[in-house]
Amino acid sequence: MFKLGQSESYWYPVTIELVDVEGKKKKFDFDAKFKRLDDDERRDLLVREDGDDRPLPKDKEVVQQVFEGWRKVQDAEGGELTVNDSNREALLKVEGMTRAIVIAWAKSIGIEGRAKN
């Protein structure tokens, strides 16, 4: 049964593929906390109507709107990486991270195909 009044955010897995120290591609996973957008907010972010000359949002803009935090991310010493502005900036500088987050968010709302284009 559906319950009206869903949470304002939710967790969803993110997978990113990076080259490890040995030069091999390796997949890494963590959970992202995404803001739950209503239909109007999602439409404003993603859809452009005829005559609307605004470009579609860049990955960074989508991440700014929907990415609230993470869990299962460690610092260099293996400790849990605290969610704060400095760590967020460092995480988003990892090559491919912004795109991986956008793809995970798109999967979570059922528009995965559009996110990969």
C-alpha atoms as a PDB file:
ATOM      1  CA  MET A   1       0.000   0.000   0.000  1.00  0.00           C
ATOM      2  CA  PHE A   2       1.272   3.474  -0.894  1.00  0.00           C
ATOM      3  CA  LYS A   3       1.667   5.913   1.948  1.00  0.00           C
ATOM      4  CA  LEU A   4       1.312   9.626   1.200  1.00  0.00           C
ATOM      5  CA  GLY A   5       3.985  11.739   2.831  1.00  0.00           C
ATOM      6  CA  GLN A   6       7.230  10.112   1.732  1.00  0.00           C
ATOM      7  CA  SER A   7      10.538  11.147   3.280  1.00  0.00           C
ATOM      8  CA  GLU A   8      12.194  14.311   1.965  1.00  0.00           C
ATOM      9  CA  SER A   9      15.283  12.316   0.970  1.00  0.00           C
ATOM     10  CA  TYR A  10      16.342   8.726   0.287  1.00  0.00           C
ATOM     11  CA  TRP A  11      19.440   6.537  -0.098  1.00  0.00           C
ATOM     12  CA  TYR A  12      20.480   5.009  -3.412  1.00  0.00           C
ATOM     13  CA  PRO A  13      23.683   3.158  -4.425  1.00  0.00           C
ATOM     14  CA  VAL A  14      26.324   4.837  -6.594  1.00  0.00           C
ATOM     15  CA  THR A  15      28.922   2.862  -8.521  1.00  0.00           C
ATOM     16  CA  ILE A  16      32.019   4.462  -9.957  1.00  0.00           C
ATOM     17  CA  GLU A  17      34.777   2.738 -11.897  1.00  0.00           C
ATOM     18  CA  LEU A  18      38.315   3.982 -11.269  1.00  0.00           C
ATOM     19  CA  VAL A  19      41.799   2.761 -12.078  1.00  0.00           C
ATOM     20  CA  ASP A  20      43.443   1.361  -8.947  1.00  0.00           C
ATOM     21  CA  VAL A  21      47.096   1.609  -7.900  1.00  0.00           C
ATOM     22  CA  GLU A  22      47.946  -1.453 -10.012  1.00  0.00           C
ATOM     23  CA  GLY A  23      46.457   0.114 -13.151  1.00  0.00           C
ATOM     24  CA  LYS A  24      43.357  -2.056 -13.197  1.00  0.00           C
ATOM     25  CA  LYS A  25      39.814  -0.798 -13.441  1.00  0.00           C
ATOM     26  CA  LYS A  26      37.922  -1.392 -10.249  1.00  0.00           C
ATOM     27  CA  LYS A  27      34.355  -0.618  -9.256  1.00  0.00           C
ATOM     28  CA  PHE A  28      33.706   1.238  -6.025  1.00  0.00           C
ATOM     29  CA  ASP A  29      30.303   1.611  -4.391  1.00  0.00           C
ATOM     30  CA  PHE A  30      28.795   3.934  -1.829  1.00  0.00           C
ATOM     31  CA  ASP A  31      25.333   5.217  -0.944  1.00  0.00           C
ATOM     32  CA  ALA A  32      24.205   8.692  -1.926  1.00  0.00           C
ATOM     33  CA  LYS A  33      21.495  10.582  -0.114  1.00  0.00           C
ATOM     34  CA  PHE A  34      19.230  12.242  -2.671  1.00  0.00           C
ATOM     35  CA  LYS A  35      16.641  14.950  -2.180  1.00  0.00           C
ATOM     36  CA  ARG A  36      13.205  13.701  -3.219  1.00  0.00           C
ATOM     37  CA  LEU A  37      11.880  16.109  -5.844  1.00  0.00           C
ATOM     38  CA  ASP A  38       8.197  16.414  -6.597  1.00  0.00           C
ATOM     39  CA  ASP A  39       7.029  16.254 -10.228  1.00  0.00           C
ATOM     40  CA  ASP A  40       7.110  20.040 -10.672  1.00  0.00           C
ATOM     41  CA  GLU A  41      10.645  20.352  -9.267  1.00  0.00           C
ATOM     42  CA  ARG A  42      11.894  17.487 -11.433  1.00  0.00           C
ATOM     43  CA  ARG A  43      10.241  18.946 -14.532  1.00  0.00           C
ATOM     44  CA  ASP A  44      11.756  22.395 -13.821  1.00  0.00           C
ATOM     45  CA  LEU A  45      15.187  20.790 -13.493  1.00  0.00           C
ATOM     46  CA  LEU A  46      15.084  18.460 -16.481  1.00  0.00           C
ATOM     47  CA  VAL A  47      12.440  19.415 -19.031  1.00  0.00           C
ATOM     48  CA  ARG A  48      12.549  22.296 -21.471  1.00  0.00           C
ATOM     49  CA  GLU A  49       9.314  23.245 -23.213  1.00  0.00           C
ATOM     50  CA  ASP A  50       9.082  24.444 -26.821  1.00  0.00           C
ATOM     51  CA  GLY A  51      10.450  27.958 -27.027  1.00  0.00           C
ATOM     52  CA  ASP A  52      12.392  27.615 -23.772  1.00  0.00           C
ATOM     53  CA  ASP A  53      15.964  28.364 -24.794  1.00  0.00           C
ATOM     54  CA  ARG A  54      17.524  27.429 -21.443  1.00  0.00           C
ATOM     55  CA  PRO A  55      20.019  24.598 -21.883  1.00  0.00           C
ATOM     56  CA  LEU A  56      19.474  21.326 -20.083  1.00  0.00           C
ATOM     57  CA  PRO A  57      21.298  21.331 -16.751  1.00  0.00           C
ATOM     58  CA  LYS A  58      24.887  20.235 -16.547  1.00  0.00           C
ATOM     59  CA  ASP A  59      25.780  17.348 -14.249  1.00  0.00           C
ATOM     60  CA  LYS A  60      27.115  19.771 -11.623  1.00  0.00           C
ATOM     61  CA  GLU A  61      23.775  21.596 -11.514  1.00  0.00           C
ATOM     62  CA  VAL A  62      21.854  18.348 -11.041  1.00  0.00           C
ATOM     63  CA  VAL A  63      24.233  17.295  -8.251  1.00  0.00           C
ATOM     64  CA  GLN A  64      23.791  20.683  -6.546  1.00  0.00           C
ATOM     65  CA  GLN A  65      20.024  20.195  -6.586  1.00  0.00           C
ATOM     66  CA  VAL A  66      19.714  16.566  -5.514  1.00  0.00           C
ATOM     67  CA  PHE A  67      22.896  15.254  -3.808  1.00  0.00           C
ATOM     68  CA  GLU A  68      22.636  15.756  -0.051  1.00  0.00           C
ATOM     69  CA  GLY A  69      25.242  13.411   1.373  1.00  0.00           C
ATOM     70  CA  TRP A  70      26.728   9.938   1.479  1.00  0.00           C
ATOM     71  CA  ARG A  71      27.547   6.930   3.575  1.00  0.00           C
ATOM     72  CA  LYS A  72      30.138   4.167   3.085  1.00  0.00           C
ATOM     73  CA  VAL A  73      32.831   6.611   1.892  1.00  0.00           C
ATOM     74  CA  GLN A  74      36.182   6.460   3.657  1.00  0.00           C
ATOM     75  CA  ASP A  75      39.009   8.941   4.007  1.00  0.00           C
ATOM     76  CA  ALA A  76      42.620   8.027   3.133  1.00  0.00           C
ATOM     77  CA  GLU A  77      43.131   6.440   6.564  1.00  0.00           C
ATOM     78  CA  GLY A  78      40.036   4.236   6.273  1.00  0.00           C
ATOM     79  CA  GLY A  79      37.783   6.240   8.577  1.00  0.00           C
ATOM     80  CA  GLU A  80      34.225   7.174   7.642  1.00  0.00           C
ATOM     81  CA  LEU A  81      34.263  10.420   5.624  1.00  0.00           C
ATOM     82  CA  THR A  82      32.147  13.014   7.406  1.00  0.00           C
ATOM     83  CA  VAL A  83      29.569  14.866   5.334  1.00  0.00           C
ATOM     84  CA  ASN A  84      30.609  18.526   5.229  1.00  0.00           C
ATOM     85  CA  ASP A  85      31.300  21.169   2.572  1.00  0.00           C
ATOM     86  CA  SER A  86      35.046  20.515   2.413  1.00  0.00           C
ATOM     87  CA  ASN A  87      34.655  16.757   2.023  1.00  0.00           C
ATOM     88  CA  ARG A  88      31.826  17.226  -0.466  1.00  0.00           C
ATOM     89  CA  GLU A  89      34.098  19.392  -2.607  1.00  0.00           C
ATOM     90  CA  ALA A  90      36.891  16.803  -2.404  1.00  0.00           C
ATOM     91  CA  LEU A  91      34.544  13.935  -3.273  1.00  0.00           C
ATOM     92  CA  LEU A  92      33.109  15.761  -6.287  1.00  0.00           C
ATOM     93  CA  LYS A  93      36.623  16.443  -7.626  1.00  0.00           C
ATOM     94  CA  VAL A  94      37.234  12.716  -8.091  1.00  0.00           C
ATOM     95  CA  GLU A  95      37.301  12.056 -11.828  1.00  0.00           C
ATOM     96  CA  GLY A  96      33.904  10.803 -12.974  1.00  0.00           C
ATOM     97  CA  MET A  97      32.239  11.201  -9.571  1.00  0.00           C
ATOM     98  CA  THR A  98      29.733  13.872 -10.575  1.00  0.00           C
ATOM     99  CA  ARG A  99      28.632  11.809 -13.575  1.00  0.00           C
ATOM    100  CA  ALA A 100      28.340   8.641 -11.468  1.00  0.00           C
ATOM    101  CA  ILE A 101      26.115  10.462  -8.983  1.00  0.00           C
ATOM    102  CA  VAL A 102      23.880  11.831 -11.755  1.00  0.00           C
ATOM    103  CA  ILE A 103      23.544   8.370 -13.319  1.00  0.00           C
ATOM    104  CA  ALA A 104      22.588   6.861  -9.943  1.00  0.00           C
ATOM    105  CA  TRP A 105      20.012   9.601  -9.331  1.00  0.00           C
ATOM    106  CA  ALA A 106      18.571   9.118 -12.811  1.00  0.00           C
ATOM    107  CA  LYS A 107      18.272   5.369 -12.185  1.00  0.00           C
ATOM    108  CA  SER A 108      16.551   6.065  -8.893  1.00  0.00           C
ATOM    109  CA  ILE A 109      13.809   8.094 -10.595  1.00  0.00           C
ATOM    110  CA  GLY A 110      13.516   5.889 -13.672  1.00  0.00           C
ATOM    111  CA  ILE A 111      15.203   8.024 -16.344  1.00  0.00           C
ATOM    112  CA  GLU A 112      18.459   6.108 -16.586  1.00  0.00           C
ATOM    113  CA  GLY A 113      18.624   6.130 -20.395  1.00  0.00           C
ATOM    114  CA  ARG A 114      18.583   9.924 -20.635  1.00  0.00           C
ATOM    115  CA  ALA A 115      21.335  10.297 -18.031  1.00  0.00           C
ATOM    116  CA  LYS A 116      23.835   8.274 -20.050  1.00  0.00           C
ATOM    117  CA  ASN A 117      23.531  10.474 -23.160  1.00  0.00           C
END
